[in-house]
Amino acid sequence: MRAEVKRRGFIVYELDENDRMWQAVEQLARMSAQTLTDEQAIQVGALFPRWAVGVEYQAGERIADEMGNLYKVVQGHTSQADWPLDSTPALYTPLGVTEEDPDATPEWKQPTGAHDAYNKGDKVLYQGKTYISLIDGNTYSPDTPGDFWEEVA
């Protein structure tokens, strides 16, 4: 990207050929991601639209949170700030977990506190592998050294 100072405190940015190429590659990747299965899509969550307030979502649509974790929209609606992805199961289901298969293994996401920490026996998908929590109140990622998670074969 080329930057040029036009006036004091005013900078103009122009895309060069390389920038335009990368934008095209990103757009192609985002379009292609829509054709992936849920299992494949989990690996490239950052390519899906990020959840935002005031957006009209359709049932079956896949959207990502700020960490790239994917959710499937359960019923069509217009999003609201007080209907967050991770605590409104009537509207959003973590990818891999559906009404038809409530025991499916969800993708691991970083807990923010005791209220959403993993408990002993909880299963998660992490970097393409399945893990089971060995402790209650588990806020560690499965790749953290220690006896927090066990990979399931």
N, C-alpha and C. Protein backbone atom coordinates (compact mmCIF):
# COMPACT_ATOMS: atom_id res chain seq x y z
N MET A 1 0.86 -1.17 0.00
CA MET A 1 0.00 0.00 0.00
C MET A 1 0.90 1.23 0.00
N ARG A 2 0.57 2.14 -0.84
CA ARG A 2 1.35 3.35 -0.96
C ARG A 2 0.67 4.47 -0.18
N ALA A 3 1.44 5.21 0.62
CA ALA A 3 0.90 6.33 1.38
C ALA A 3 1.59 7.61 0.93
N GLU A 4 0.82 8.65 0.81
CA GLU A 4 1.37 9.93 0.39
C GLU A 4 0.78 11.02 1.26
N VAL A 5 1.65 11.87 1.81
CA VAL A 5 1.18 12.99 2.63
C VAL A 5 0.78 14.11 1.68
N LYS A 6 -0.49 14.49 1.71
CA LYS A 6 -1.01 15.55 0.83
C LYS A 6 -0.91 16.91 1.51
N ARG A 7 -1.29 16.94 2.75
CA ARG A 7 -1.22 18.17 3.54
C ARG A 7 -0.84 17.78 4.96
N ARG A 8 -0.52 18.76 5.74
CA ARG A 8 -0.15 18.47 7.12
C ARG A 8 -1.26 17.70 7.82
N GLY A 9 -0.94 16.48 8.29
CA GLY A 9 -1.90 15.67 9.01
C GLY A 9 -2.89 14.92 8.13
N PHE A 10 -2.73 14.99 6.82
CA PHE A 10 -3.67 14.35 5.90
C PHE A 10 -2.88 13.39 5.01
N ILE A 11 -3.18 12.11 5.09
CA ILE A 11 -2.47 11.08 4.33
C ILE A 11 -3.45 10.39 3.40
N VAL A 12 -3.05 10.16 2.18
CA VAL A 12 -3.86 9.45 1.20
C VAL A 12 -3.21 8.09 0.96
N TYR A 13 -4.01 7.03 1.07
CA TYR A 13 -3.52 5.68 0.83
C TYR A 13 -4.08 5.21 -0.50
N GLU A 14 -3.21 4.59 -1.28
CA GLU A 14 -3.63 4.03 -2.56
C GLU A 14 -3.23 2.57 -2.59
N LEU A 15 -4.12 1.73 -3.10
CA LEU A 15 -3.80 0.32 -3.25
C LEU A 15 -2.90 0.13 -4.46
N ASP A 16 -1.88 -0.70 -4.29
CA ASP A 16 -1.06 -1.03 -5.45
C ASP A 16 -1.56 -2.36 -6.02
N GLU A 17 -0.91 -2.85 -7.06
CA GLU A 17 -1.35 -4.07 -7.73
C GLU A 17 -1.36 -5.26 -6.77
N ASN A 18 -0.35 -5.36 -5.92
CA ASN A 18 -0.26 -6.45 -4.96
C ASN A 18 -1.44 -6.42 -3.97
N ASP A 19 -1.80 -5.22 -3.50
CA ASP A 19 -2.95 -5.08 -2.59
C ASP A 19 -4.24 -5.54 -3.26
N ARG A 20 -4.43 -5.13 -4.50
CA ARG A 20 -5.65 -5.53 -5.23
C ARG A 20 -5.69 -7.04 -5.44
N MET A 21 -4.53 -7.65 -5.68
CA MET A 21 -4.46 -9.11 -5.86
C MET A 21 -4.86 -9.81 -4.57
N TRP A 22 -4.34 -9.35 -3.43
CA TRP A 22 -4.68 -9.98 -2.15
C TRP A 22 -6.15 -9.79 -1.81
N GLN A 23 -6.73 -8.66 -2.15
CA GLN A 23 -8.16 -8.45 -1.93
C GLN A 23 -8.97 -9.45 -2.75
N ALA A 24 -8.55 -9.68 -3.99
CA ALA A 24 -9.24 -10.64 -4.85
C ALA A 24 -9.12 -12.06 -4.31
N VAL A 25 -7.94 -12.43 -3.82
CA VAL A 25 -7.73 -13.76 -3.25
C VAL A 25 -8.61 -13.93 -2.00
N GLU A 26 -8.67 -12.90 -1.16
CA GLU A 26 -9.50 -12.98 0.04
C GLU A 26 -10.98 -13.13 -0.33
N GLN A 27 -11.43 -12.38 -1.31
CA GLN A 27 -12.83 -12.47 -1.74
C GLN A 27 -13.14 -13.86 -2.29
N LEU A 28 -12.23 -14.41 -3.09
CA LEU A 28 -12.41 -15.75 -3.63
C LEU A 28 -12.48 -16.78 -2.51
N ALA A 29 -11.60 -16.65 -1.51
CA ALA A 29 -11.61 -17.57 -0.37
C ALA A 29 -12.92 -17.48 0.40
N ARG A 30 -13.43 -16.26 0.61
CA ARG A 30 -14.70 -16.09 1.33
C ARG A 30 -15.87 -16.72 0.55
N MET A 31 -15.86 -16.54 -0.75
CA MET A 31 -16.94 -17.13 -1.57
C MET A 31 -16.84 -18.65 -1.55
N SER A 32 -15.63 -19.19 -1.66
CA SER A 32 -15.43 -20.64 -1.65
C SER A 32 -15.79 -21.24 -0.30
N ALA A 33 -15.57 -20.52 0.78
CA ALA A 33 -15.86 -21.03 2.13
C ALA A 33 -17.34 -21.36 2.28
N GLN A 34 -18.19 -20.66 1.57
CA GLN A 34 -19.63 -20.90 1.68
C GLN A 34 -20.03 -22.30 1.22
N THR A 35 -19.19 -22.95 0.40
CA THR A 35 -19.51 -24.28 -0.12
C THR A 35 -18.97 -25.41 0.76
N LEU A 36 -18.23 -25.08 1.81
CA LEU A 36 -17.62 -26.09 2.67
C LEU A 36 -18.65 -26.75 3.58
N THR A 37 -18.35 -27.99 3.97
CA THR A 37 -19.17 -28.65 4.99
C THR A 37 -18.90 -27.97 6.32
N ASP A 38 -19.75 -28.21 7.30
CA ASP A 38 -19.53 -27.63 8.63
C ASP A 38 -18.18 -28.05 9.19
N GLU A 39 -17.80 -29.32 9.02
CA GLU A 39 -16.54 -29.82 9.55
C GLU A 39 -15.36 -29.10 8.91
N GLN A 40 -15.44 -28.84 7.61
CA GLN A 40 -14.37 -28.11 6.94
C GLN A 40 -14.37 -26.63 7.32
N ALA A 41 -15.56 -26.06 7.44
CA ALA A 41 -15.69 -24.64 7.74
C ALA A 41 -15.09 -24.28 9.10
N ILE A 42 -15.15 -25.19 10.04
CA ILE A 42 -14.59 -24.95 11.38
C ILE A 42 -13.12 -24.54 11.27
N GLN A 43 -12.42 -25.11 10.31
CA GLN A 43 -10.99 -24.85 10.17
C GLN A 43 -10.68 -23.46 9.61
N VAL A 44 -11.66 -22.82 8.98
CA VAL A 44 -11.43 -21.51 8.34
C VAL A 44 -12.49 -20.50 8.77
N GLY A 45 -12.81 -20.49 10.04
CA GLY A 45 -13.87 -19.62 10.56
C GLY A 45 -13.68 -18.14 10.26
N ALA A 46 -12.44 -17.69 10.15
CA ALA A 46 -12.19 -16.27 9.89
C ALA A 46 -12.69 -15.83 8.52
N LEU A 47 -12.99 -16.77 7.63
CA LEU A 47 -13.48 -16.41 6.30
C LEU A 47 -14.97 -16.12 6.27
N PHE A 48 -15.67 -16.39 7.35
CA PHE A 48 -17.11 -16.18 7.39
C PHE A 48 -17.44 -14.81 7.96
N PRO A 49 -18.62 -14.29 7.63
CA PRO A 49 -19.00 -12.97 8.14
C PRO A 49 -18.99 -12.95 9.67
N ARG A 50 -18.51 -11.87 10.23
CA ARG A 50 -18.47 -11.70 11.68
C ARG A 50 -19.82 -11.19 12.16
N TRP A 51 -20.29 -11.75 13.29
CA TRP A 51 -21.56 -11.33 13.89
C TRP A 51 -21.51 -9.85 14.21
N ALA A 52 -22.61 -9.18 13.94
CA ALA A 52 -22.72 -7.75 14.25
C ALA A 52 -24.16 -7.43 14.64
N VAL A 53 -24.33 -6.36 15.37
CA VAL A 53 -25.66 -5.90 15.81
C VAL A 53 -26.38 -5.26 14.62
N GLY A 54 -27.70 -5.52 14.54
CA GLY A 54 -28.53 -4.90 13.52
C GLY A 54 -28.50 -5.57 12.16
N VAL A 55 -27.98 -6.79 12.11
CA VAL A 55 -27.89 -7.53 10.84
C VAL A 55 -29.03 -8.54 10.78
N GLU A 56 -29.66 -8.65 9.61
CA GLU A 56 -30.72 -9.64 9.42
C GLU A 56 -30.08 -10.97 9.03
N TYR A 57 -30.24 -11.98 9.88
CA TYR A 57 -29.66 -13.31 9.63
C TYR A 57 -30.77 -14.28 9.26
N GLN A 58 -30.43 -15.20 8.35
CA GLN A 58 -31.37 -16.23 7.89
C GLN A 58 -31.02 -17.55 8.56
N ALA A 59 -32.03 -18.38 8.82
CA ALA A 59 -31.81 -19.70 9.41
C ALA A 59 -30.85 -20.48 8.52
N GLY A 60 -29.88 -21.15 9.15
CA GLY A 60 -28.91 -21.96 8.43
C GLY A 60 -27.64 -21.22 8.06
N GLU A 61 -27.64 -19.90 8.16
CA GLU A 61 -26.46 -19.10 7.83
C GLU A 61 -25.35 -19.36 8.85
N ARG A 62 -24.09 -19.35 8.41
CA ARG A 62 -22.96 -19.53 9.32
C ARG A 62 -22.29 -18.18 9.52
N ILE A 63 -22.04 -17.85 10.81
CA ILE A 63 -21.39 -16.59 11.15
C ILE A 63 -20.33 -16.86 12.21
N ALA A 64 -19.37 -15.96 12.30
CA ALA A 64 -18.25 -16.14 13.23
C ALA A 64 -18.29 -15.11 14.35
N ASP A 65 -17.75 -15.51 15.50
CA ASP A 65 -17.56 -14.53 16.57
C ASP A 65 -16.20 -13.86 16.36
N GLU A 66 -15.80 -13.00 17.30
CA GLU A 66 -14.55 -12.25 17.13
C GLU A 66 -13.31 -13.14 17.14
N MET A 67 -13.44 -14.37 17.63
CA MET A 67 -12.32 -15.30 17.66
C MET A 67 -12.31 -16.25 16.46
N GLY A 68 -13.32 -16.12 15.59
CA GLY A 68 -13.40 -17.00 14.42
C GLY A 68 -14.14 -18.29 14.68
N ASN A 69 -14.76 -18.44 15.87
CA ASN A 69 -15.59 -19.62 16.15
C ASN A 69 -16.88 -19.48 15.37
N LEU A 70 -17.30 -20.56 14.73
CA LEU A 70 -18.49 -20.50 13.89
C LEU A 70 -19.76 -20.92 14.62
N TYR A 71 -20.84 -20.28 14.22
CA TYR A 71 -22.17 -20.58 14.73
C TYR A 71 -23.11 -20.69 13.54
N LYS A 72 -24.14 -21.49 13.72
CA LYS A 72 -25.19 -21.60 12.72
C LYS A 72 -26.42 -20.89 13.28
N VAL A 73 -27.06 -20.09 12.45
CA VAL A 73 -28.26 -19.37 12.86
C VAL A 73 -29.41 -20.38 12.91
N VAL A 74 -30.09 -20.45 14.05
CA VAL A 74 -31.18 -21.41 14.26
C VAL A 74 -32.47 -20.91 13.63
N GLN A 75 -32.78 -19.63 13.82
CA GLN A 75 -34.00 -19.06 13.25
C GLN A 75 -33.71 -17.65 12.76
N GLY A 76 -34.35 -17.28 11.67
CA GLY A 76 -34.14 -15.96 11.10
C GLY A 76 -34.51 -14.86 12.09
N HIS A 77 -33.73 -13.78 12.11
CA HIS A 77 -33.96 -12.66 13.02
C HIS A 77 -33.03 -11.52 12.66
N THR A 78 -33.24 -10.38 13.28
CA THR A 78 -32.30 -9.26 13.20
C THR A 78 -31.57 -9.20 14.53
N SER A 79 -30.24 -9.25 14.48
CA SER A 79 -29.44 -9.34 15.70
C SER A 79 -29.56 -8.10 16.58
N GLN A 80 -29.43 -8.32 17.87
CA GLN A 80 -29.49 -7.26 18.88
C GLN A 80 -28.32 -7.44 19.83
N ALA A 81 -27.88 -6.36 20.43
CA ALA A 81 -26.74 -6.40 21.36
C ALA A 81 -27.00 -7.32 22.54
N ASP A 82 -28.26 -7.42 22.98
CA ASP A 82 -28.56 -8.26 24.14
C ASP A 82 -28.88 -9.71 23.75
N TRP A 83 -28.58 -10.09 22.50
CA TRP A 83 -28.71 -11.47 22.03
C TRP A 83 -27.36 -11.97 21.53
N PRO A 84 -26.36 -12.10 22.41
CA PRO A 84 -25.02 -12.51 21.96
C PRO A 84 -24.98 -13.96 21.47
N LEU A 85 -24.03 -14.24 20.61
CA LEU A 85 -23.89 -15.57 20.02
C LEU A 85 -23.78 -16.68 21.06
N ASP A 86 -22.92 -16.47 22.05
CA ASP A 86 -22.60 -17.56 22.97
C ASP A 86 -23.61 -17.81 24.07
N SER A 87 -24.64 -16.97 24.17
CA SER A 87 -25.61 -17.20 25.25
C SER A 87 -27.06 -17.05 24.79
N THR A 88 -27.29 -17.26 23.51
CA THR A 88 -28.66 -17.21 22.98
C THR A 88 -28.89 -18.46 22.12
N PRO A 89 -29.01 -19.64 22.77
CA PRO A 89 -29.12 -20.89 22.01
C PRO A 89 -30.38 -20.99 21.14
N ALA A 90 -31.40 -20.19 21.42
CA ALA A 90 -32.59 -20.21 20.57
C ALA A 90 -32.30 -19.58 19.21
N LEU A 91 -31.22 -18.79 19.13
CA LEU A 91 -30.88 -18.11 17.87
C LEU A 91 -29.61 -18.64 17.22
N TYR A 92 -28.64 -19.07 18.02
CA TYR A 92 -27.35 -19.50 17.48
C TYR A 92 -26.89 -20.80 18.12
N THR A 93 -26.38 -21.71 17.29
CA THR A 93 -25.84 -22.96 17.78
C THR A 93 -24.38 -23.04 17.37
N PRO A 94 -23.47 -23.38 18.31
CA PRO A 94 -22.07 -23.53 17.91
C PRO A 94 -21.97 -24.55 16.78
N LEU A 95 -21.16 -24.26 15.78
CA LEU A 95 -21.06 -25.14 14.62
C LEU A 95 -20.69 -26.55 15.06
N GLY A 96 -21.38 -27.50 14.50
CA GLY A 96 -21.18 -28.90 14.85
C GLY A 96 -22.24 -29.40 15.81
N VAL A 97 -22.91 -28.49 16.51
CA VAL A 97 -23.97 -28.87 17.45
C VAL A 97 -25.29 -28.38 16.86
N THR A 98 -26.21 -29.30 16.64
CA THR A 98 -27.50 -28.94 16.07
C THR A 98 -28.62 -29.53 16.91
N GLU A 99 -29.82 -29.11 16.63
CA GLU A 99 -30.98 -29.67 17.33
C GLU A 99 -31.08 -31.16 17.08
N GLU A 100 -30.74 -31.57 15.85
CA GLU A 100 -30.80 -33.00 15.50
C GLU A 100 -29.68 -33.79 16.16
N ASP A 101 -28.57 -33.15 16.46
CA ASP A 101 -27.41 -33.82 17.05
C ASP A 101 -26.84 -32.98 18.20
N PRO A 102 -27.58 -32.86 19.30
CA PRO A 102 -27.14 -32.01 20.41
C PRO A 102 -25.89 -32.52 21.11
N ASP A 103 -25.51 -33.76 20.86
CA ASP A 103 -24.32 -34.31 21.50
C ASP A 103 -23.07 -34.18 20.63
N ALA A 104 -23.17 -33.49 19.50
CA ALA A 104 -22.01 -33.27 18.65
C ALA A 104 -20.96 -32.49 19.44
N THR A 105 -19.73 -32.60 19.02
CA THR A 105 -18.63 -31.95 19.72
C THR A 105 -18.43 -30.54 19.18
N PRO A 106 -18.58 -29.52 20.04
CA PRO A 106 -18.39 -28.14 19.58
C PRO A 106 -16.91 -27.77 19.49
N GLU A 107 -16.63 -26.76 18.70
CA GLU A 107 -15.28 -26.21 18.59
C GLU A 107 -14.92 -25.54 19.92
N TRP A 108 -13.66 -25.72 20.38
CA TRP A 108 -13.20 -25.09 21.61
C TRP A 108 -13.20 -23.58 21.44
N LYS A 109 -13.62 -22.86 22.46
CA LYS A 109 -13.49 -21.40 22.48
C LYS A 109 -13.00 -20.99 23.85
N GLN A 110 -12.23 -19.92 23.89
CA GLN A 110 -11.60 -19.46 25.13
C GLN A 110 -12.66 -19.01 26.13
N PRO A 111 -12.75 -19.67 27.28
CA PRO A 111 -13.68 -19.22 28.31
C PRO A 111 -13.27 -17.84 28.83
N THR A 112 -14.27 -17.07 29.23
CA THR A 112 -14.00 -15.73 29.76
C THR A 112 -14.07 -15.69 31.27
N GLY A 113 -14.47 -16.79 31.89
CA GLY A 113 -14.56 -16.84 33.34
C GLY A 113 -15.16 -18.16 33.80
N ALA A 114 -15.49 -18.24 35.08
CA ALA A 114 -16.03 -19.47 35.66
C ALA A 114 -17.37 -19.86 35.03
N HIS A 115 -18.14 -18.87 34.59
CA HIS A 115 -19.48 -19.14 34.06
C HIS A 115 -19.47 -19.93 32.75
N ASP A 116 -18.36 -19.87 31.98
CA ASP A 116 -18.33 -20.63 30.72
C ASP A 116 -17.09 -21.52 30.61
N ALA A 117 -16.45 -21.80 31.77
CA ALA A 117 -15.30 -22.70 31.78
C ALA A 117 -15.77 -24.13 31.52
N TYR A 118 -14.87 -24.95 31.00
CA TYR A 118 -15.19 -26.35 30.72
C TYR A 118 -15.10 -27.18 31.99
N ASN A 119 -15.96 -28.18 32.09
CA ASN A 119 -15.96 -29.06 33.25
C ASN A 119 -15.37 -30.42 32.87
N LYS A 120 -15.01 -31.17 33.88
CA LYS A 120 -14.45 -32.50 33.67
C LYS A 120 -15.40 -33.32 32.81
N GLY A 121 -14.87 -33.89 31.73
CA GLY A 121 -15.68 -34.71 30.83
C GLY A 121 -16.19 -33.97 29.60
N ASP A 122 -16.10 -32.64 29.58
CA ASP A 122 -16.54 -31.88 28.40
C ASP A 122 -15.62 -32.19 27.22
N LYS A 123 -16.22 -32.39 26.03
CA LYS A 123 -15.46 -32.65 24.82
C LYS A 123 -15.48 -31.42 23.93
N VAL A 124 -14.34 -31.19 23.26
CA VAL A 124 -14.23 -30.08 22.32
C VAL A 124 -13.40 -30.49 21.12
N LEU A 125 -13.61 -29.78 20.01
CA LEU A 125 -12.73 -29.90 18.85
C LEU A 125 -11.72 -28.76 18.94
N TYR A 126 -10.45 -29.09 18.71
CA TYR A 126 -9.40 -28.08 18.76
C TYR A 126 -8.35 -28.43 17.72
N GLN A 127 -8.18 -27.55 16.76
CA GLN A 127 -7.22 -27.74 15.68
C GLN A 127 -7.37 -29.11 15.02
N GLY A 128 -8.63 -29.48 14.76
CA GLY A 128 -8.92 -30.72 14.04
C GLY A 128 -8.91 -31.98 14.87
N LYS A 129 -8.67 -31.88 16.18
CA LYS A 129 -8.63 -33.06 17.05
C LYS A 129 -9.66 -32.90 18.16
N THR A 130 -10.09 -34.03 18.72
CA THR A 130 -11.07 -34.02 19.81
C THR A 130 -10.34 -34.20 21.14
N TYR A 131 -10.73 -33.38 22.11
CA TYR A 131 -10.13 -33.44 23.45
C TYR A 131 -11.24 -33.53 24.49
N ILE A 132 -10.90 -34.10 25.65
CA ILE A 132 -11.82 -34.17 26.78
C ILE A 132 -11.15 -33.50 27.97
N SER A 133 -11.92 -32.67 28.68
CA SER A 133 -11.39 -31.95 29.84
C SER A 133 -11.18 -32.91 31.00
N LEU A 134 -10.04 -32.77 31.65
CA LEU A 134 -9.71 -33.63 32.79
C LEU A 134 -10.01 -32.98 34.13
N ILE A 135 -10.42 -31.68 34.09
CA ILE A 135 -10.68 -30.96 35.33
C ILE A 135 -11.94 -30.11 35.20
N ASP A 136 -12.52 -29.75 36.35
CA ASP A 136 -13.62 -28.79 36.37
C ASP A 136 -13.02 -27.38 36.32
N GLY A 137 -13.78 -26.43 35.80
CA GLY A 137 -13.33 -25.05 35.75
C GLY A 137 -12.15 -24.84 34.80
N ASN A 138 -12.09 -25.63 33.73
CA ASN A 138 -10.96 -25.61 32.81
C ASN A 138 -11.04 -24.42 31.86
N THR A 139 -10.10 -23.50 31.99
CA THR A 139 -10.05 -22.35 31.08
C THR A 139 -8.82 -22.40 30.18
N TYR A 140 -8.07 -23.51 30.25
CA TYR A 140 -6.86 -23.66 29.45
C TYR A 140 -7.18 -24.21 28.07
N SER A 141 -6.38 -23.84 27.06
CA SER A 141 -6.55 -24.42 25.73
C SER A 141 -5.97 -25.83 25.75
N PRO A 142 -6.46 -26.71 24.87
CA PRO A 142 -5.96 -28.08 24.86
C PRO A 142 -4.47 -28.23 24.58
N ASP A 143 -3.82 -27.20 24.03
CA ASP A 143 -2.38 -27.32 23.78
C ASP A 143 -1.53 -26.74 24.92
N THR A 144 -2.18 -26.38 26.03
CA THR A 144 -1.44 -25.88 27.20
C THR A 144 -0.79 -27.07 27.91
N PRO A 145 0.51 -26.98 28.20
CA PRO A 145 1.16 -28.07 28.93
C PRO A 145 0.51 -28.29 30.30
N GLY A 146 0.39 -29.54 30.69
CA GLY A 146 -0.22 -29.88 31.97
C GLY A 146 -1.32 -30.90 31.79
N ASP A 147 -1.91 -31.32 32.88
CA ASP A 147 -2.97 -32.33 32.86
C ASP A 147 -4.34 -31.68 32.84
N PHE A 148 -4.63 -30.94 31.78
CA PHE A 148 -5.91 -30.25 31.66
C PHE A 148 -6.83 -30.92 30.65
N TRP A 149 -6.23 -31.46 29.57
CA TRP A 149 -6.98 -32.08 28.48
C TRP A 149 -6.33 -33.39 28.07
N GLU A 150 -7.15 -34.27 27.53
CA GLU A 150 -6.62 -35.51 26.97
C GLU A 150 -7.19 -35.66 25.56
N GLU A 151 -6.29 -35.95 24.62
CA GLU A 151 -6.75 -36.15 23.24
C GLU A 151 -7.50 -37.48 23.15
N VAL A 152 -8.66 -37.42 22.47
CA VAL A 152 -9.48 -38.63 22.29
C VAL A 152 -9.19 -39.19 20.92
N ALA A 153 -8.90 -40.48 20.86
CA ALA A 153 -8.56 -41.11 19.58
C ALA A 153 -9.78 -41.32 18.72
